[in-house]
Amino acid sequence: MDEALFGTRTARGEWTPTRPAGYGPLFARPTRPLAIAKWFAGFPGYLFPYNALYFALAAVAYVATTPDWATMRSFSVGWIVWLLARNLLITVAWYGLFHYRLYIRKSQDTRFKYNARWPRESDRFTFGSQTRENVFFTLCIGVPTWTAYEVVTYWLFANGHIPWMSWARHPVWIVVLFVLTPLFREVHFYAIHRFIHVPAVYKRVHALHHRNTNPGPWSGMSMHPVEHLFYFSSVVLHWIVPSHPMHATFNLFHLAMSPVPGHSGFETIELGDSAALDTNCLSHYLHHKYFEVNYADGAIPLDRWLGSFHDGSAEAHARMKQRLASRNVVADESDAR
């Protein structure tokens, strides 16, 4: 595919798509029901491909690999290690697939890559390498934290400590909650993301994730342990709101898998001479580049409503600089640090 048909690349090797970052039509005014329906069920859209894929994998994992409920009424090493091993395998496969294709095999070279540079060796990263640091924090901290939340959630369900909705009695609510879970995830992520950008918290916690000014697939879940605790706390929703255990599984799978396309560093993944899959990660790439914009992205325009949205255009960049100048903050635009 010819990337020049879809965007421009500067002399520094930075590629910007012609299509700016944006949101779906769910909250557009005036309301457009047909546009919402097309976005909701279309490809690409709200359900497809990503949310449907995350749900399908979560459903298979729940049905095929979840220990029986009698076993999970008490904590024991066997079933906890089983879930940890399953989650490690899923993470290695999903993250590794993107990393191998885009960064090891380099199957499309730098076409559609926002920053033409590749991750590098540097003493600013743990183990002297961005990739090694990312893999370490993802597998050694991120996956165990995911598993810990999953273990506690299943234990609470197994012992009747949290409300369990049945498919037979509440089929409509169960379906609605599946549809709403990614939206709740957006609001939760925005809230914790703004909090960890408070200077004192940022310096001690979130700065580790922001070492990745030129992110790759493994960067998505490379975080400080405290940030992992905040990030996966989205599943606490199901400790409060009547749910089915599969809702919690879907929420956790969404948390674990969605960072990969969002941190891939590519606007588009080529699937052949003419087929391609959009990653929709321009918004989050700009967050890694400028730090103080795009704290969330997806269906709910929280950044637009609250004045922190950057769509990649020169106009948006000017607004960002004006906003930050009023706070005596300088946007760090260096991808080479």
C-alpha atoms as a PDB file:
ATOM      1  CA  MET A   1       0.000   0.000   0.000  1.00  0.00           C
ATOM      2  CA  ASP A   2       1.151   3.543  -0.729  1.00  0.00           C
ATOM      3  CA  GLU A   3       1.112   5.498   2.528  1.00  0.00           C
ATOM      4  CA  ALA A   4       1.360   8.759   0.566  1.00  0.00           C
ATOM      5  CA  LEU A   5      -2.274   8.265  -0.426  1.00  0.00           C
ATOM      6  CA  PHE A   6      -3.332   8.414   3.211  1.00  0.00           C
ATOM      7  CA  GLY A   7      -1.011  10.934   4.846  1.00  0.00           C
ATOM      8  CA  THR A   8       2.257  12.833   4.761  1.00  0.00           C
ATOM      9  CA  ARG A   9       5.755  12.189   6.122  1.00  0.00           C
ATOM     10  CA  THR A  10       8.051  14.989   7.242  1.00  0.00           C
ATOM     11  CA  ALA A  11      11.770  15.278   6.638  1.00  0.00           C
ATOM     12  CA  ARG A  12      12.273  13.963  10.189  1.00  0.00           C
ATOM     13  CA  GLY A  13      10.417  10.807   9.228  1.00  0.00           C
ATOM     14  CA  GLU A  14       7.230  11.566  11.168  1.00  0.00           C
ATOM     15  CA  TRP A  15       4.089  10.346   9.452  1.00  0.00           C
ATOM     16  CA  THR A  16       0.686  11.980   9.969  1.00  0.00           C
ATOM     17  CA  PRO A  17      -2.481  10.522   8.471  1.00  0.00           C
ATOM     18  CA  THR A  18      -4.737  12.786   6.451  1.00  0.00           C
ATOM     19  CA  ARG A  19      -7.666  11.638   8.581  1.00  0.00           C
ATOM     20  CA  PRO A  20      -7.424  13.309  12.009  1.00  0.00           C
ATOM     21  CA  ALA A  21      -8.043  11.511  15.273  1.00  0.00           C
ATOM     22  CA  GLY A  22     -11.666  11.623  16.304  1.00  0.00           C
ATOM     23  CA  TYR A  23     -14.586   9.939  17.968  1.00  0.00           C
ATOM     24  CA  GLY A  24     -17.584   7.937  16.855  1.00  0.00           C
ATOM     25  CA  PRO A  25     -20.977   9.608  16.363  1.00  0.00           C
ATOM     26  CA  LEU A  26     -22.486   8.415  19.653  1.00  0.00           C
ATOM     27  CA  PHE A  27     -22.350  11.855  21.290  1.00  0.00           C
ATOM     28  CA  ALA A  28     -22.401  14.008  18.154  1.00  0.00           C
ATOM     29  CA  ARG A  29     -25.001  16.736  17.945  1.00  0.00           C
ATOM     30  CA  PRO A  30     -27.445  16.705  16.320  1.00  0.00           C
ATOM     31  CA  THR A  31     -28.025  13.022  17.001  1.00  0.00           C
ATOM     32  CA  ARG A  32     -27.774  10.867  13.876  1.00  0.00           C
ATOM     33  CA  PRO A  33     -29.403   7.472  14.558  1.00  0.00           C
ATOM     34  CA  LEU A  34     -28.397   5.930  11.233  1.00  0.00           C
ATOM     35  CA  ALA A  35     -24.781   7.010  11.639  1.00  0.00           C
ATOM     36  CA  ILE A  36     -24.741   5.595  15.167  1.00  0.00           C
ATOM     37  CA  ALA A  37     -26.181   2.273  13.978  1.00  0.00           C
ATOM     38  CA  LYS A  38     -23.636   2.046  11.166  1.00  0.00           C
ATOM     39  CA  TRP A  39     -20.764   2.880  13.530  1.00  0.00           C
ATOM     40  CA  PHE A  40     -22.011   0.476  16.197  1.00  0.00           C
ATOM     41  CA  ALA A  41     -22.256  -2.618  13.984  1.00  0.00           C
ATOM     42  CA  GLY A  42     -20.045  -1.649  11.046  1.00  0.00           C
ATOM     43  CA  PHE A  43     -16.460  -2.614  10.231  1.00  0.00           C
ATOM     44  CA  PRO A  44     -14.544  -0.840  11.551  1.00  0.00           C
ATOM     45  CA  GLY A  45     -16.827   0.343  14.325  1.00  0.00           C
ATOM     46  CA  TYR A  46     -17.641   0.017  17.974  1.00  0.00           C
ATOM     47  CA  LEU A  47     -18.149  -3.734  17.996  1.00  0.00           C
ATOM     48  CA  PHE A  48     -15.871  -4.824  15.163  1.00  0.00           C
ATOM     49  CA  PRO A  49     -13.154  -5.779  15.011  1.00  0.00           C
ATOM     50  CA  TYR A  50     -11.591  -5.182  18.412  1.00  0.00           C
ATOM     51  CA  ASN A  51     -14.376  -5.315  21.012  1.00  0.00           C
ATOM     52  CA  ALA A  52     -15.896  -8.379  19.356  1.00  0.00           C
ATOM     53  CA  LEU A  53     -12.499 -10.092  19.283  1.00  0.00           C
ATOM     54  CA  TYR A  54     -11.802  -9.335  22.946  1.00  0.00           C
ATOM     55  CA  PHE A  55     -15.249 -10.618  23.897  1.00  0.00           C
ATOM     56  CA  ALA A  56     -14.870 -13.799  21.851  1.00  0.00           C
ATOM     57  CA  LEU A  57     -11.497 -14.623  23.386  1.00  0.00           C
ATOM     58  CA  ALA A  58     -12.771 -13.831  26.878  1.00  0.00           C
ATOM     59  CA  ALA A  59     -15.808 -16.068  26.346  1.00  0.00           C
ATOM     60  CA  VAL A  60     -13.689 -18.963  25.107  1.00  0.00           C
ATOM     61  CA  ALA A  61     -11.255 -18.557  27.996  1.00  0.00           C
ATOM     62  CA  TYR A  62     -14.095 -18.359  30.508  1.00  0.00           C
ATOM     63  CA  VAL A  63     -15.901 -21.440  29.214  1.00  0.00           C
ATOM     64  CA  ALA A  64     -12.857 -23.581  28.479  1.00  0.00           C
ATOM     65  CA  THR A  65     -10.300 -22.647  31.125  1.00  0.00           C
ATOM     66  CA  THR A  66     -12.037 -21.287  34.228  1.00  0.00           C
ATOM     67  CA  PRO A  67     -11.711 -23.683  37.199  1.00  0.00           C
ATOM     68  CA  ASP A  68     -14.953 -25.008  38.693  1.00  0.00           C
ATOM     69  CA  TRP A  69     -16.675 -22.819  41.256  1.00  0.00           C
ATOM     70  CA  ALA A  70     -16.371 -25.294  44.122  1.00  0.00           C
ATOM     71  CA  THR A  71     -12.588 -25.166  43.726  1.00  0.00           C
ATOM     72  CA  MET A  72     -12.547 -21.364  43.665  1.00  0.00           C
ATOM     73  CA  ARG A  73     -14.396 -21.038  46.978  1.00  0.00           C
ATOM     74  CA  SER A  74     -10.998 -21.171  48.659  1.00  0.00           C
ATOM     75  CA  PHE A  75      -7.626 -19.848  47.583  1.00  0.00           C
ATOM     76  CA  SER A  76      -5.212 -22.572  46.534  1.00  0.00           C
ATOM     77  CA  VAL A  77      -1.991 -22.578  44.559  1.00  0.00           C
ATOM     78  CA  GLY A  78      -3.238 -24.933  41.853  1.00  0.00           C
ATOM     79  CA  TRP A  79      -6.037 -22.897  40.290  1.00  0.00           C
ATOM     80  CA  ILE A  80      -4.271 -19.579  40.828  1.00  0.00           C
ATOM     81  CA  VAL A  81      -1.156 -20.792  38.992  1.00  0.00           C
ATOM     82  CA  TRP A  82      -3.398 -22.219  36.259  1.00  0.00           C
ATOM     83  CA  LEU A  83      -4.973 -18.805  35.627  1.00  0.00           C
ATOM     84  CA  LEU A  84      -1.576 -17.105  35.762  1.00  0.00           C
ATOM     85  CA  ALA A  85      -0.147 -19.528  33.186  1.00  0.00           C
ATOM     86  CA  ARG A  86      -3.178 -19.060  30.914  1.00  0.00           C
ATOM     87  CA  ASN A  87      -2.899 -15.270  31.102  1.00  0.00           C
ATOM     88  CA  LEU A  88       0.833 -15.363  30.421  1.00  0.00           C
ATOM     89  CA  LEU A  89       0.274 -17.535  27.353  1.00  0.00           C
ATOM     90  CA  ILE A  90      -2.428 -15.218  26.002  1.00  0.00           C
ATOM     91  CA  THR A  91      -0.264 -12.149  26.589  1.00  0.00           C
ATOM     92  CA  VAL A  92       2.821 -13.610  24.937  1.00  0.00           C
ATOM     93  CA  ALA A  93       0.754 -14.704  21.927  1.00  0.00           C
ATOM     94  CA  TRP A  94      -1.143 -11.418  21.458  1.00  0.00           C
ATOM     95  CA  TYR A  95       1.664  -8.973  22.178  1.00  0.00           C
ATOM     96  CA  GLY A  96       4.208 -11.181  20.470  1.00  0.00           C
ATOM     97  CA  LEU A  97       2.133 -11.410  17.293  1.00  0.00           C
ATOM     98  CA  PHE A  98       2.158  -7.633  16.803  1.00  0.00           C
ATOM     99  CA  HIS A  99       5.782  -7.249  17.862  1.00  0.00           C
ATOM    100  CA  TYR A 100       7.041 -10.057  15.641  1.00  0.00           C
ATOM    101  CA  ARG A 101       5.180  -8.907  12.552  1.00  0.00           C
ATOM    102  CA  LEU A 102       5.822  -5.175  12.876  1.00  0.00           C
ATOM    103  CA  TYR A 103       9.135  -4.925  14.739  1.00  0.00           C
ATOM    104  CA  ILE A 104      11.096  -8.140  14.208  1.00  0.00           C
ATOM    105  CA  ARG A 105      10.021  -9.253  10.770  1.00  0.00           C
ATOM    106  CA  LYS A 106       9.236  -5.632   9.813  1.00  0.00           C
ATOM    107  CA  SER A 107       6.750  -6.902   7.282  1.00  0.00           C
ATOM    108  CA  GLN A 108       5.715  -3.408   6.184  1.00  0.00           C
ATOM    109  CA  ASP A 109       8.924  -1.594   7.083  1.00  0.00           C
ATOM    110  CA  THR A 110       7.985   1.905   8.323  1.00  0.00           C
ATOM    111  CA  ARG A 111       4.895   2.338   6.158  1.00  0.00           C
ATOM    112  CA  PHE A 112       2.168   3.949   8.291  1.00  0.00           C
ATOM    113  CA  LYS A 113       4.546   4.137  11.277  1.00  0.00           C
ATOM    114  CA  TYR A 114       4.156   7.496  13.033  1.00  0.00           C
ATOM    115  CA  ASN A 115       7.809   7.652  14.066  1.00  0.00           C
ATOM    116  CA  ALA A 116      10.168   6.167  11.489  1.00  0.00           C
ATOM    117  CA  ARG A 117      12.733   5.285  14.167  1.00  0.00           C
ATOM    118  CA  TRP A 118      12.749   1.828  15.718  1.00  0.00           C
ATOM    119  CA  PRO A 119      12.949   1.130  19.477  1.00  0.00           C
ATOM    120  CA  ARG A 120      16.546   1.385  20.550  1.00  0.00           C
ATOM    121  CA  GLU A 121      19.053   0.444  23.187  1.00  0.00           C
ATOM    122  CA  SER A 122      19.415   3.157  25.824  1.00  0.00           C
ATOM    123  CA  ASP A 123      20.477   3.406  29.445  1.00  0.00           C
ATOM    124  CA  ARG A 124      17.281   5.317  30.226  1.00  0.00           C
ATOM    125  CA  PHE A 125      15.457   1.960  30.050  1.00  0.00           C
ATOM    126  CA  THR A 126      15.706  -0.920  32.509  1.00  0.00           C
ATOM    127  CA  PHE A 127      18.141  -3.526  31.137  1.00  0.00           C
ATOM    128  CA  GLY A 128      19.309  -0.904  28.615  1.00  0.00           C
ATOM    129  CA  SER A 129      16.525  -1.672  26.130  1.00  0.00           C
ATOM    130  CA  GLN A 130      13.016  -0.356  25.560  1.00  0.00           C
ATOM    131  CA  THR A 131      11.760  -3.752  24.420  1.00  0.00           C
ATOM    132  CA  ARG A 132      13.327  -5.692  27.294  1.00  0.00           C
ATOM    133  CA  GLU A 133      11.934  -3.206  29.809  1.00  0.00           C
ATOM    134  CA  ASN A 134       8.482  -3.370  28.246  1.00  0.00           C
ATOM    135  CA  VAL A 135       8.414  -7.170  28.226  1.00  0.00           C
ATOM    136  CA  PHE A 136       9.595  -7.328  31.845  1.00  0.00           C
ATOM    137  CA  PHE A 137       6.964  -4.974  33.275  1.00  0.00           C
ATOM    138  CA  THR A 138       4.236  -6.537  31.154  1.00  0.00           C
ATOM    139  CA  LEU A 139       4.913 -10.174  31.999  1.00  0.00           C
ATOM    140  CA  CYS A 140       6.391  -9.898  35.489  1.00  0.00           C
ATOM    141  CA  ILE A 141       4.127  -7.185  36.921  1.00  0.00           C
ATOM    142  CA  GLY A 142       1.185  -6.631  34.573  1.00  0.00           C
ATOM    143  CA  VAL A 143       0.028 -10.208  34.072  1.00  0.00           C
ATOM    144  CA  PRO A 144       0.322 -11.146  37.779  1.00  0.00           C
ATOM    145  CA  THR A 145      -1.712  -8.036  38.675  1.00  0.00           C
ATOM    146  CA  TRP A 146      -4.374  -8.979  36.105  1.00  0.00           C
ATOM    147  CA  THR A 147      -4.433 -12.492  37.525  1.00  0.00           C
ATOM    148  CA  ALA A 148      -4.679 -11.277  41.125  1.00  0.00           C
ATOM    149  CA  TYR A 149      -7.763  -9.187  40.321  1.00  0.00           C
ATOM    150  CA  GLU A 150      -9.247 -12.139  38.425  1.00  0.00           C
ATOM    151  CA  VAL A 151      -8.590 -14.557  41.308  1.00  0.00           C
ATOM    152  CA  VAL A 152     -10.194 -12.257  43.885  1.00  0.00           C
ATOM    153  CA  THR A 153     -13.165 -11.593  41.607  1.00  0.00           C
ATOM    154  CA  TYR A 154     -13.823 -15.292  40.987  1.00  0.00           C
ATOM    155  CA  TRP A 155     -13.437 -16.006  44.723  1.00  0.00           C
ATOM    156  CA  LEU A 156     -16.022 -13.316  45.526  1.00  0.00           C
ATOM    157  CA  PHE A 157     -18.448 -14.761  42.967  1.00  0.00           C
ATOM    158  CA  ALA A 158     -17.857 -18.335  44.110  1.00  0.00           C
ATOM    159  CA  ASN A 159     -18.661 -17.451  47.711  1.00  0.00           C
ATOM    160  CA  GLY A 160     -21.691 -15.312  46.927  1.00  0.00           C
ATOM    161  CA  HIS A 161     -20.109 -12.128  48.253  1.00  0.00           C
ATOM    162  CA  ILE A 162     -21.078 -10.165  45.135  1.00  0.00           C
ATOM    163  CA  PRO A 163     -24.342 -10.297  43.118  1.00  0.00           C
ATOM    164  CA  TRP A 164     -24.368 -12.883  40.319  1.00  0.00           C
ATOM    165  CA  MET A 165     -26.858 -12.303  37.506  1.00  0.00           C
ATOM    166  CA  SER A 166     -28.108 -15.374  35.640  1.00  0.00           C
ATOM    167  CA  TRP A 167     -28.646 -15.583  31.892  1.00  0.00           C
ATOM    168  CA  ALA A 168     -32.060 -17.177  32.399  1.00  0.00           C
ATOM    169  CA  ARG A 169     -33.496 -14.372  34.535  1.00  0.00           C
ATOM    170  CA  HIS A 170     -31.724 -11.299  33.174  1.00  0.00           C
ATOM    171  CA  PRO A 171     -30.739 -11.900  29.524  1.00  0.00           C
ATOM    172  CA  VAL A 172     -31.331  -8.301  28.407  1.00  0.00           C
ATOM    173  CA  TRP A 173     -29.319  -6.757  31.246  1.00  0.00           C
ATOM    174  CA  ILE A 174     -26.481  -9.180  30.664  1.00  0.00           C
ATOM    175  CA  VAL A 175     -26.246  -8.250  26.972  1.00  0.00           C
ATOM    176  CA  VAL A 176     -26.536  -4.527  27.738  1.00  0.00           C
ATOM    177  CA  LEU A 177     -23.739  -4.734  30.301  1.00  0.00           C
ATOM    178  CA  PHE A 178     -21.462  -6.447  27.783  1.00  0.00           C
ATOM    179  CA  VAL A 179     -22.083  -3.554  25.374  1.00  0.00           C
ATOM    180  CA  LEU A 180     -21.512  -0.928  28.073  1.00  0.00           C
ATOM    181  CA  THR A 181     -18.349  -2.432  29.544  1.00  0.00           C
ATOM    182  CA  PRO A 182     -15.919  -0.811  27.038  1.00  0.00           C
ATOM    183  CA  LEU A 183     -17.621   2.563  27.652  1.00  0.00           C
ATOM    184  CA  PHE A 184     -17.176   2.194  31.391  1.00  0.00           C
ATOM    185  CA  ARG A 185     -13.563   1.259  30.723  1.00  0.00           C
ATOM    186  CA  GLU A 186     -13.066   4.558  28.892  1.00  0.00           C
ATOM    187  CA  VAL A 187     -14.426   6.636  31.764  1.00  0.00           C
ATOM    188  CA  HIS A 188     -12.439   4.679  34.340  1.00  0.00           C
ATOM    189  CA  PHE A 189      -9.234   4.945  32.310  1.00  0.00           C
ATOM    190  CA  TYR A 190      -9.688   8.686  31.804  1.00  0.00           C
ATOM    191  CA  ALA A 191     -10.176   9.231  35.543  1.00  0.00           C
ATOM    192  CA  ILE A 192      -7.129   7.259  36.649  1.00  0.00           C
ATOM    193  CA  HIS A 193      -5.053   8.619  33.776  1.00  0.00           C
ATOM    194  CA  ARG A 194      -5.711  12.208  34.791  1.00  0.00           C
ATOM    195  CA  PHE A 195      -4.850  11.308  38.381  1.00  0.00           C
ATOM    196  CA  ILE A 196      -1.500   9.731  37.534  1.00  0.00           C
ATOM    197  CA  HIS A 197      -0.608  12.845  35.530  1.00  0.00           C
ATOM    198  CA  VAL A 198      -0.718  14.909  38.737  1.00  0.00           C
ATOM    199  CA  PRO A 199       2.959  15.962  38.951  1.00  0.00           C
ATOM    200  CA  ALA A 200       3.793  14.209  42.232  1.00  0.00           C
ATOM    201  CA  VAL A 201       2.182  10.952  41.073  1.00  0.00           C
ATOM    202  CA  TYR A 202       3.517  11.244  37.545  1.00  0.00           C
ATOM    203  CA  LYS A 203       7.102  11.552  38.720  1.00  0.00           C
ATOM    204  CA  ARG A 204       6.910   8.497  40.985  1.00  0.00           C
ATOM    205  CA  VAL A 205       4.582   6.280  38.959  1.00  0.00           C
ATOM    206  CA  HIS A 206       3.483   7.175  35.442  1.00  0.00           C
ATOM    207  CA  ALA A 207       6.844   8.461  34.210  1.00  0.00           C
ATOM    208  CA  LEU A 208       7.952   4.860  33.712  1.00  0.00           C
ATOM    209  CA  HIS A 209       5.257   4.294  31.086  1.00  0.00           C
ATOM    210  CA  HIS A 210       6.094   7.605  29.418  1.00  0.00           C
ATOM    211  CA  ARG A 211       9.666   6.587  28.781  1.00  0.00           C
ATOM    212  CA  ASN A 212       8.053   5.145  25.653  1.00  0.00           C
ATOM    213  CA  THR A 213       7.867   8.326  23.574  1.00  0.00           C
ATOM    214  CA  ASN A 214       8.099   6.057  20.522  1.00  0.00           C
ATOM    215  CA  PRO A 215       5.861   3.199  21.726  1.00  0.00           C
ATOM    216  CA  GLY A 216       5.656  -0.342  20.421  1.00  0.00           C
ATOM    217  CA  PRO A 217       3.209  -3.188  21.138  1.00  0.00           C
ATOM    218  CA  TRP A 218       4.891  -4.235  24.390  1.00  0.00           C
ATOM    219  CA  SER A 219       4.751  -0.642  25.678  1.00  0.00           C
ATOM    220  CA  GLY A 220       1.013  -0.869  26.284  1.00  0.00           C
ATOM    221  CA  MET A 221       1.173  -2.670  29.616  1.00  0.00           C
ATOM    222  CA  SER A 222       4.675  -1.570  30.624  1.00  0.00           C
ATOM    223  CA  MET A 223       3.824   0.343  33.785  1.00  0.00           C
ATOM    224  CA  HIS A 224       4.887   0.943  37.369  1.00  0.00           C
ATOM    225  CA  PRO A 225       3.310  -1.643  39.735  1.00  0.00           C
ATOM    226  CA  VAL A 226       1.144   1.063  41.336  1.00  0.00           C
ATOM    227  CA  GLU A 227      -0.195   2.025  37.916  1.00  0.00           C
ATOM    228  CA  HIS A 228      -1.061  -1.614  37.237  1.00  0.00           C
ATOM    229  CA  LEU A 229      -3.117  -1.621  40.450  1.00  0.00           C
ATOM    230  CA  PHE A 230      -5.039   1.445  39.276  1.00  0.00           C
ATOM    231  CA  TYR A 231      -5.384   0.225  35.705  1.00  0.00           C
ATOM    232  CA  PHE A 232      -6.858  -3.207  36.444  1.00  0.00           C
ATOM    233  CA  SER A 233      -9.153  -1.823  39.148  1.00  0.00           C
ATOM    234  CA  SER A 234     -11.766  -1.342  36.430  1.00  0.00           C
ATOM    235  CA  VAL A 235     -12.953  -4.869  37.259  1.00  0.00           C
ATOM    236  CA  VAL A 236     -14.127  -3.635  40.680  1.00  0.00           C
ATOM    237  CA  LEU A 237     -17.246  -2.450  38.822  1.00  0.00           C
ATOM    238  CA  HIS A 238     -18.408  -6.060  38.874  1.00  0.00           C
ATOM    239  CA  TRP A 239     -17.949  -6.257  42.638  1.00  0.00           C
ATOM    240  CA  ILE A 240     -20.637  -3.584  42.943  1.00  0.00           C
ATOM    241  CA  VAL A 241     -22.931  -3.710  39.899  1.00  0.00           C
ATOM    242  CA  PRO A 242     -24.924  -6.951  39.465  1.00  0.00           C
ATOM    243  CA  SER A 243     -23.028  -8.905  36.809  1.00  0.00           C
ATOM    244  CA  HIS A 244     -22.154 -12.327  35.505  1.00  0.00           C
ATOM    245  CA  PRO A 245     -18.578 -13.602  35.997  1.00  0.00           C
ATOM    246  CA  MET A 246     -18.128 -13.507  32.228  1.00  0.00           C
ATOM    247  CA  HIS A 247     -18.571  -9.719  32.373  1.00  0.00           C
ATOM    248  CA  ALA A 248     -15.602  -9.487  34.701  1.00  0.00           C
ATOM    249  CA  THR A 249     -13.593 -11.784  32.428  1.00  0.00           C
ATOM    250  CA  PHE A 250     -14.415  -9.595  29.418  1.00  0.00           C
ATOM    251  CA  ASN A 251     -13.453  -6.449  31.321  1.00  0.00           C
ATOM    252  CA  LEU A 252     -10.083  -7.940  32.284  1.00  0.00           C
ATOM    253  CA  PHE A 253      -9.384  -9.268  28.781  1.00  0.00           C
ATOM    254  CA  HIS A 254     -10.225  -5.847  27.378  1.00  0.00           C
ATOM    255  CA  LEU A 255      -7.801  -4.247  29.827  1.00  0.00           C
ATOM    256  CA  ALA A 256      -5.057  -6.706  28.938  1.00  0.00           C
ATOM    257  CA  MET A 257      -5.467  -6.822  25.142  1.00  0.00           C
ATOM    258  CA  SER A 258      -6.571  -3.349  24.054  1.00  0.00           C
ATOM    259  CA  PRO A 259      -3.224  -1.633  24.809  1.00  0.00           C
ATOM    260  CA  VAL A 260      -1.552  -3.540  21.970  1.00  0.00           C
ATOM    261  CA  PRO A 261      -3.108  -1.888  18.893  1.00  0.00           C
ATOM    262  CA  GLY A 262      -3.174   1.422  20.793  1.00  0.00           C
ATOM    263  CA  HIS A 263       0.600   1.312  21.316  1.00  0.00           C
ATOM    264  CA  SER A 264       1.604  -0.413  18.084  1.00  0.00           C
ATOM    265  CA  GLY A 265       3.107   2.797  16.682  1.00  0.00           C
ATOM    266  CA  PHE A 266       1.391   2.199  13.330  1.00  0.00           C
ATOM    267  CA  GLU A 267      -1.773   3.825  12.034  1.00  0.00           C
ATOM    268  CA  THR A 268      -2.494   0.878   9.741  1.00  0.00           C
ATOM    269  CA  ILE A 269      -1.450  -2.757   9.664  1.00  0.00           C
ATOM    270  CA  GLU A 270      -1.172  -4.099   6.142  1.00  0.00           C
ATOM    271  CA  LEU A 271      -2.861  -7.454   5.580  1.00  0.00           C
ATOM    272  CA  GLY A 272      -2.049  -7.737   1.892  1.00  0.00           C
ATOM    273  CA  ASP A 273      -1.639  -5.640  -1.204  1.00  0.00           C
ATOM    274  CA  SER A 274      -4.941  -3.838  -0.680  1.00  0.00           C
ATOM    275  CA  ALA A 275      -6.374  -5.004   2.679  1.00  0.00           C
ATOM    276  CA  ALA A 276      -5.488  -3.286   5.937  1.00  0.00           C
ATOM    277  CA  LEU A 277      -6.571  -3.001   9.549  1.00  0.00           C
ATOM    278  CA  ASP A 278      -6.684   0.374  11.271  1.00  0.00           C
ATOM    279  CA  THR A 279      -5.287   0.521  14.798  1.00  0.00           C
ATOM    280  CA  ASN A 280      -7.010   3.808  15.709  1.00  0.00           C
ATOM    281  CA  CYS A 281      -3.998   4.706  17.823  1.00  0.00           C
ATOM    282  CA  LEU A 282      -3.168   8.210  16.553  1.00  0.00           C
ATOM    283  CA  SER A 283      -4.841   9.767  19.566  1.00  0.00           C
ATOM    284  CA  HIS A 284      -2.808   7.761  22.054  1.00  0.00           C
ATOM    285  CA  TYR A 285       0.403   8.124  20.056  1.00  0.00           C
ATOM    286  CA  LEU A 286      -0.038  11.890  20.374  1.00  0.00           C
ATOM    287  CA  HIS A 287      -0.453  11.436  24.111  1.00  0.00           C
ATOM    288  CA  HIS A 288       2.925   9.706  24.287  1.00  0.00           C
ATOM    289  CA  LYS A 289       4.429  12.437  22.157  1.00  0.00           C
ATOM    290  CA  TYR A 290       2.992  15.474  23.964  1.00  0.00           C
ATOM    291  CA  PHE A 291       2.016  14.021  27.378  1.00  0.00           C
ATOM    292  CA  GLU A 292      -0.724  16.553  28.241  1.00  0.00           C
ATOM    293  CA  VAL A 293      -3.333  15.596  25.631  1.00  0.00           C
ATOM    294  CA  ASN A 294      -5.664  12.693  24.837  1.00  0.00           C
ATOM    295  CA  TYR A 295      -5.948  11.048  28.240  1.00  0.00           C
ATOM    296  CA  ALA A 296      -8.592   8.751  26.775  1.00  0.00           C
ATOM    297  CA  ASP A 297      -9.762   7.765  23.323  1.00  0.00           C
ATOM    298  CA  GLY A 298     -12.689   5.817  21.980  1.00  0.00           C
ATOM    299  CA  ALA A 299     -16.408   6.427  21.826  1.00  0.00           C
ATOM    300  CA  ILE A 300     -16.791   9.062  24.560  1.00  0.00           C
ATOM    301  CA  PRO A 301     -15.225  12.454  23.709  1.00  0.00           C
ATOM    302  CA  LEU A 302     -14.005  13.169  27.240  1.00  0.00           C
ATOM    303  CA  ASP A 303     -10.899  15.021  26.092  1.00  0.00           C
ATOM    304  CA  ARG A 304     -12.923  17.165  23.722  1.00  0.00           C
ATOM    305  CA  TRP A 305     -15.398  18.060  26.455  1.00  0.00           C
ATOM    306  CA  LEU A 306     -12.643  18.833  28.961  1.00  0.00           C
ATOM    307  CA  GLY A 307     -10.289  20.687  26.637  1.00  0.00           C
ATOM    308  CA  SER A 308      -7.398  18.241  26.318  1.00  0.00           C
ATOM    309  CA  PHE A 309      -8.065  16.831  22.831  1.00  0.00           C
ATOM    310  CA  HIS A 310      -5.445  16.851  20.068  1.00  0.00           C
ATOM    311  CA  ASP A 311      -6.450  15.399  16.698  1.00  0.00           C
ATOM    312  CA  GLY A 312      -3.031  15.727  15.054  1.00  0.00           C
ATOM    313  CA  SER A 313      -3.836  18.899  13.130  1.00  0.00           C
ATOM    314  CA  ALA A 314      -1.870  22.149  13.205  1.00  0.00           C
ATOM    315  CA  GLU A 315      -4.896  23.921  14.658  1.00  0.00           C
ATOM    316  CA  ALA A 316      -5.138  21.456  17.539  1.00  0.00           C
ATOM    317  CA  HIS A 317      -1.416  21.786  18.137  1.00  0.00           C
ATOM    318  CA  ALA A 318      -1.697  25.557  18.395  1.00  0.00           C
ATOM    319  CA  ARG A 319      -4.548  25.216  20.895  1.00  0.00           C
ATOM    320  CA  MET A 320      -2.479  22.779  22.966  1.00  0.00           C
ATOM    321  CA  LYS A 321       0.511  25.116  23.079  1.00  0.00           C
ATOM    322  CA  GLN A 322      -1.694  28.029  24.085  1.00  0.00           C
ATOM    323  CA  ARG A 323      -3.321  25.968  26.837  1.00  0.00           C
ATOM    324  CA  LEU A 324      -0.006  24.738  28.190  1.00  0.00           C
ATOM    325  CA  ALA A 325       1.582  28.193  27.968  1.00  0.00           C
ATOM    326  CA  SER A 326      -1.172  29.510  30.226  1.00  0.00           C
ATOM    327  CA  ARG A 327      -0.057  26.904  32.785  1.00  0.00           C
ATOM    328  CA  ASN A 328       3.672  27.488  32.181  1.00  0.00           C
ATOM    329  CA  VAL A 329       4.011  23.937  30.847  1.00  0.00           C
ATOM    330  CA  VAL A 330       6.164  23.183  27.800  1.00  0.00           C
ATOM    331  CA  ALA A 331       5.050  20.286  25.592  1.00  0.00           C
ATOM    332  CA  ASP A 332       7.861  17.839  25.055  1.00  0.00           C
ATOM    333  CA  GLU A 333       7.833  17.144  21.328  1.00  0.00           C
ATOM    334  CA  SER A 334      11.077  15.216  21.176  1.00  0.00           C
ATOM    335  CA  ASP A 335      10.693  11.621  20.085  1.00  0.00           C
ATOM    336  CA  ALA A 336      14.409  11.118  20.232  1.00  0.00           C
ATOM    337  CA  ARG A 337      14.853  11.386  23.988  1.00  0.00           C
END
